[in-house]
Amino acid sequence: MLAILYICCMSIIQEIRFLLQKELLLEWRQKYAIGGILLYVVSTVFIVFLSTMDIGAQIWNILFWIIVLFASVNAIAKSFVQENSDRQLYYYTLVNPIAIICSKMIYNIGLLFLLSILSYAAMTIVAENPVKDAGTFWAALFLGSVGFSITFTFISAIASKVDNSATLMAILSFPLVIPILGTLMKISRNALALEQDTSIGRDFLTLVAIDFILFGLALILFPFLWKE
């Protein structure tokens, strides 16, 4: 029994590796997609620069997470929407659905974390960097990238099954993103020394728990969605 389980796990891991290579190859061929997202980040930060040269830490924190949130939506909305029905049927005959959803999530985590770093760098250039506790802030940034990636990837899979996918994705993702964003804002306020909260460790555990719950739900529900 253990041997069979080991073989299945190794097979899924190998499929994830090949699917990740496919995602990177497609992204390289479609440079306009990531270029459009980078243009959004840079243009938004430039508008902030033109609007005011002197923003406080509170406004910096709000603007930063707004930029990251909308960059996440633009980056992940195409995850399953760009896959036509013929290609999905082809994948269905070749690979395990768990490998498909995991490869999408892993790729999007890396993409979102990279976009978050670029957003942070751009905001630091146009405005004074108010971050006091870099370790706390970067940990929150990574966990936020994980949470946004899991949420938007699975919602993208659901939205790809209908015609008006963009509207459905916005409606379904909003209630799931609110607890993640609220926890991230609370942690980042501590990192920016806007408030002193002794329960910062509990906030991190809450964020990790949300990520694990969303990941578990995606693994359970996606195979049923994939069969439709």
Protein backbone atom coordinates (compact mmCIF):
# COMPACT_ATOMS: atom_id res chain seq x y z
CA MET A 1 0.00 0.00 0.00
CA LEU A 2 2.78 2.42 0.92
CA ALA A 3 4.63 1.51 -2.27
CA ILE A 4 1.58 2.32 -4.38
CA LEU A 5 1.09 5.62 -2.55
CA TYR A 6 4.76 6.49 -3.08
CA ILE A 7 4.52 5.74 -6.81
CA CYS A 8 1.39 7.89 -7.12
CA CYS A 9 3.04 10.80 -5.30
CA MET A 10 6.17 10.61 -7.44
CA SER A 11 4.04 10.50 -10.58
CA ILE A 12 2.12 13.61 -9.51
CA ILE A 13 5.36 15.42 -8.64
CA GLN A 14 6.79 14.61 -12.07
CA GLU A 15 3.60 15.83 -13.74
CA ILE A 16 3.77 19.07 -11.74
CA ARG A 17 7.35 19.59 -12.90
CA PHE A 18 6.42 19.16 -16.57
CA LEU A 19 3.36 21.41 -16.21
CA LEU A 20 5.48 24.12 -14.57
CA GLN A 21 7.85 23.96 -17.53
CA LYS A 22 4.84 24.35 -19.83
CA GLU A 23 3.63 27.41 -17.87
CA LEU A 24 7.06 29.05 -18.09
CA LEU A 25 7.28 28.33 -21.82
CA LEU A 26 3.83 29.80 -22.49
CA GLU A 27 4.66 32.89 -20.42
CA TRP A 28 7.89 33.34 -22.38
CA ARG A 29 6.00 33.11 -25.68
CA GLN A 30 3.30 35.51 -24.50
CA LYS A 31 5.50 38.27 -23.12
CA TYR A 32 2.75 40.83 -23.67
CA ALA A 33 0.74 39.37 -20.77
CA ILE A 34 3.38 39.87 -18.09
CA GLY A 35 4.39 43.12 -19.79
CA GLY A 36 0.84 44.43 -19.39
CA ILE A 37 0.86 43.57 -15.69
CA LEU A 38 4.21 45.30 -15.16
CA LEU A 39 2.89 48.34 -17.04
CA TYR A 40 -0.10 48.41 -14.67
CA VAL A 41 2.16 48.32 -11.59
CA VAL A 42 4.57 50.97 -12.87
CA SER A 43 1.82 53.29 -14.14
CA THR A 44 -0.11 53.04 -10.86
CA VAL A 45 2.96 53.84 -8.80
CA PHE A 46 3.79 56.71 -11.18
CA ILE A 47 0.30 58.15 -10.64
CA VAL A 48 0.98 58.01 -6.90
CA PHE A 49 4.22 59.89 -7.53
CA LEU A 50 2.46 62.57 -9.58
CA SER A 51 -0.32 62.94 -7.04
CA THR A 52 1.83 63.59 -4.00
CA MET A 53 5.47 63.47 -3.03
CA ASP A 54 4.76 63.21 0.69
CA ILE A 55 2.59 60.29 1.84
CA GLY A 56 2.45 58.93 5.34
CA ALA A 57 3.06 55.34 6.37
CA GLN A 58 -0.68 54.64 6.67
CA ILE A 59 -1.41 55.79 3.09
CA TRP A 60 1.70 53.98 1.83
CA ASN A 61 0.44 50.75 3.38
CA ILE A 62 -3.03 51.10 1.86
CA LEU A 63 -1.77 52.01 -1.61
CA PHE A 64 0.76 49.17 -1.61
CA TRP A 65 -1.80 46.45 -0.88
CA ILE A 66 -4.26 47.92 -3.38
CA ILE A 67 -1.60 47.70 -6.08
CA VAL A 68 -0.65 44.14 -5.09
CA LEU A 69 -4.28 43.02 -4.97
CA PHE A 70 -5.23 44.30 -8.41
CA ALA A 71 -1.94 43.12 -9.92
CA SER A 72 -2.76 39.67 -8.52
CA VAL A 73 -6.18 39.67 -10.16
CA ASN A 74 -4.77 40.72 -13.53
CA ALA A 75 -1.96 38.16 -13.33
CA ILE A 76 -4.04 35.11 -12.36
CA ALA A 77 -7.31 35.79 -14.17
CA LYS A 78 -5.87 34.16 -17.29
CA SER A 79 -4.76 30.96 -15.55
CA PHE A 80 -7.63 28.79 -16.79
CA VAL A 81 -9.50 31.27 -18.97
CA GLN A 82 -6.76 31.10 -21.62
CA GLU A 83 -7.06 27.29 -21.78
CA ASN A 84 -9.59 26.33 -24.45
CA SER A 85 -11.85 23.29 -24.07
CA ASP A 86 -9.83 21.15 -26.49
CA ARG A 87 -6.62 21.74 -24.56
CA GLN A 88 -8.35 20.99 -21.26
CA LEU A 89 -9.67 17.72 -22.67
CA TYR A 90 -6.15 16.86 -23.81
CA TYR A 91 -4.77 17.52 -20.31
CA TYR A 92 -7.60 15.45 -18.84
CA THR A 93 -6.42 12.38 -20.75
CA LEU A 94 -2.77 12.83 -19.75
CA VAL A 95 -2.31 14.14 -16.21
CA ASN A 96 -3.85 14.04 -12.76
CA PRO A 97 -6.08 17.07 -11.95
CA ILE A 98 -4.19 17.51 -8.67
CA ALA A 99 -1.01 18.06 -10.69
CA ILE A 100 -2.75 20.68 -12.82
CA ILE A 101 -4.09 22.78 -9.95
CA CYS A 102 -0.84 22.46 -7.95
CA SER A 103 1.31 23.51 -10.91
CA LYS A 104 -0.91 26.54 -11.54
CA MET A 105 -0.76 27.55 -7.88
CA ILE A 106 3.01 27.12 -7.58
CA TYR A 107 3.62 29.12 -10.74
CA ASN A 108 1.25 31.89 -9.65
CA ILE A 109 2.84 32.07 -6.19
CA GLY A 110 6.21 32.75 -7.79
CA LEU A 111 4.68 35.26 -10.22
CA LEU A 112 2.78 37.14 -7.52
CA PHE A 113 5.75 37.26 -5.18
CA LEU A 114 7.86 38.69 -8.01
CA LEU A 115 5.19 41.30 -8.76
CA SER A 116 5.00 42.14 -5.04
CA ILE A 117 8.76 42.68 -4.93
CA LEU A 118 8.57 44.95 -7.99
CA SER A 119 5.67 46.88 -6.42
CA TYR A 120 7.65 47.29 -3.21
CA ALA A 121 10.70 48.49 -5.13
CA ALA A 122 8.64 50.97 -7.17
CA MET A 123 6.88 52.34 -4.09
CA THR A 124 10.24 52.69 -2.33
CA ILE A 125 11.60 54.71 -5.26
CA VAL A 126 8.72 57.18 -5.50
CA ALA A 127 8.05 57.47 -1.77
CA GLU A 128 10.04 57.09 1.42
CA ASN A 129 10.20 53.49 2.63
CA PRO A 130 8.29 53.40 5.96
CA VAL A 131 8.91 49.71 6.74
CA LYS A 132 10.54 49.32 10.15
CA ASP A 133 10.43 45.52 10.56
CA ALA A 134 11.51 44.09 7.21
CA GLY A 135 11.31 40.46 8.34
CA THR A 136 7.66 40.73 9.39
CA PHE A 137 6.75 42.64 6.25
CA TRP A 138 8.40 40.16 3.85
CA ALA A 139 6.87 37.19 5.65
CA ALA A 140 3.44 38.80 5.28
CA LEU A 141 4.18 39.54 1.63
CA PHE A 142 5.03 35.90 0.91
CA LEU A 143 2.03 34.50 2.78
CA GLY A 144 -0.17 37.03 1.03
CA SER A 145 1.17 35.91 -2.35
CA VAL A 146 0.36 32.31 -1.40
CA GLY A 147 -3.17 33.17 -0.28
CA PHE A 148 -3.96 35.34 -3.31
CA SER A 149 -2.53 32.71 -5.65
CA ILE A 150 -4.57 29.84 -4.20
CA THR A 151 -7.78 31.89 -4.13
CA PHE A 152 -7.58 33.46 -7.58
CA THR A 153 -6.29 30.29 -9.25
CA PHE A 154 -9.21 28.18 -8.05
CA ILE A 155 -11.74 30.95 -8.76
CA SER A 156 -10.24 31.25 -12.25
CA ALA A 157 -10.87 27.54 -12.75
CA ILE A 158 -14.53 27.99 -11.77
CA ALA A 159 -14.97 31.15 -13.86
CA SER A 160 -13.52 29.48 -16.97
CA LYS A 161 -16.60 27.24 -17.12
CA VAL A 162 -18.94 30.16 -17.88
CA ASP A 163 -19.06 32.88 -20.53
CA ASN A 164 -18.81 36.03 -18.40
CA SER A 165 -15.75 34.78 -16.52
CA ALA A 166 -14.37 38.18 -15.42
CA THR A 167 -17.58 39.17 -13.61
CA LEU A 168 -17.97 35.79 -11.93
CA MET A 169 -14.34 35.81 -10.79
CA ALA A 170 -14.78 39.21 -9.13
CA ILE A 171 -17.98 38.13 -7.37
CA LEU A 172 -16.62 34.81 -6.08
CA SER A 173 -13.16 36.02 -5.05
CA PHE A 174 -14.26 39.07 -3.03
CA PRO A 175 -15.54 37.26 0.11
CA LEU A 176 -12.51 34.94 0.10
CA VAL A 177 -9.94 37.72 -0.27
CA ILE A 178 -11.33 39.96 2.50
CA PRO A 179 -10.02 37.87 5.48
CA ILE A 180 -6.62 37.48 3.80
CA LEU A 181 -6.34 41.19 3.03
CA GLY A 182 -7.55 42.20 6.48
CA THR A 183 -4.95 40.03 8.20
CA LEU A 184 -2.20 41.28 5.88
CA MET A 185 -3.08 44.89 6.61
CA LYS A 186 -2.94 44.23 10.35
CA ILE A 187 0.46 42.52 10.12
CA SER A 188 1.91 45.19 7.85
CA ARG A 189 0.75 47.95 10.19
CA ASN A 190 2.91 46.34 12.84
CA ALA A 191 5.81 46.10 10.38
CA LEU A 192 5.43 49.82 9.64
CA ALA A 193 5.25 50.62 13.39
CA LEU A 194 1.79 52.11 12.98
CA GLU A 195 0.60 50.04 15.93
CA GLN A 196 2.07 47.65 18.46
CA ASP A 197 0.14 44.39 18.59
CA THR A 198 1.37 41.63 20.87
CA SER A 199 -0.74 39.06 19.00
CA ILE A 200 1.30 39.29 15.78
CA GLY A 201 2.19 35.60 16.07
CA ARG A 202 -1.50 34.70 16.20
CA ASP A 203 -2.09 36.82 13.10
CA PHE A 204 0.56 34.86 11.22
CA LEU A 205 -0.99 31.58 12.35
CA THR A 206 -4.38 32.85 11.16
CA LEU A 207 -2.94 33.71 7.75
CA VAL A 208 -1.22 30.32 7.46
CA ALA A 209 -4.44 28.57 8.51
CA ILE A 210 -6.43 30.45 5.85
CA ASP A 211 -3.89 29.47 3.19
CA PHE A 212 -4.00 25.81 4.21
CA ILE A 213 -7.81 25.73 4.32
CA LEU A 214 -8.07 27.27 0.86
CA PHE A 215 -5.42 24.92 -0.48
CA GLY A 216 -7.19 21.89 0.96
CA LEU A 217 -10.54 22.97 -0.46
CA ALA A 218 -8.96 23.52 -3.88
CA LEU A 219 -7.40 20.03 -3.87
CA ILE A 220 -10.71 18.43 -2.86
CA LEU A 221 -13.03 20.34 -5.19
CA PHE A 222 -10.92 20.81 -8.30
CA PRO A 223 -11.03 17.15 -9.50
CA PHE A 224 -14.84 17.34 -9.52
CA LEU A 225 -14.74 20.67 -11.35
CA TRP A 226 -12.22 19.28 -13.85
CA LYS A 227 -14.60 16.48 -14.85
CA GLU A 228 -17.30 18.92 -15.94
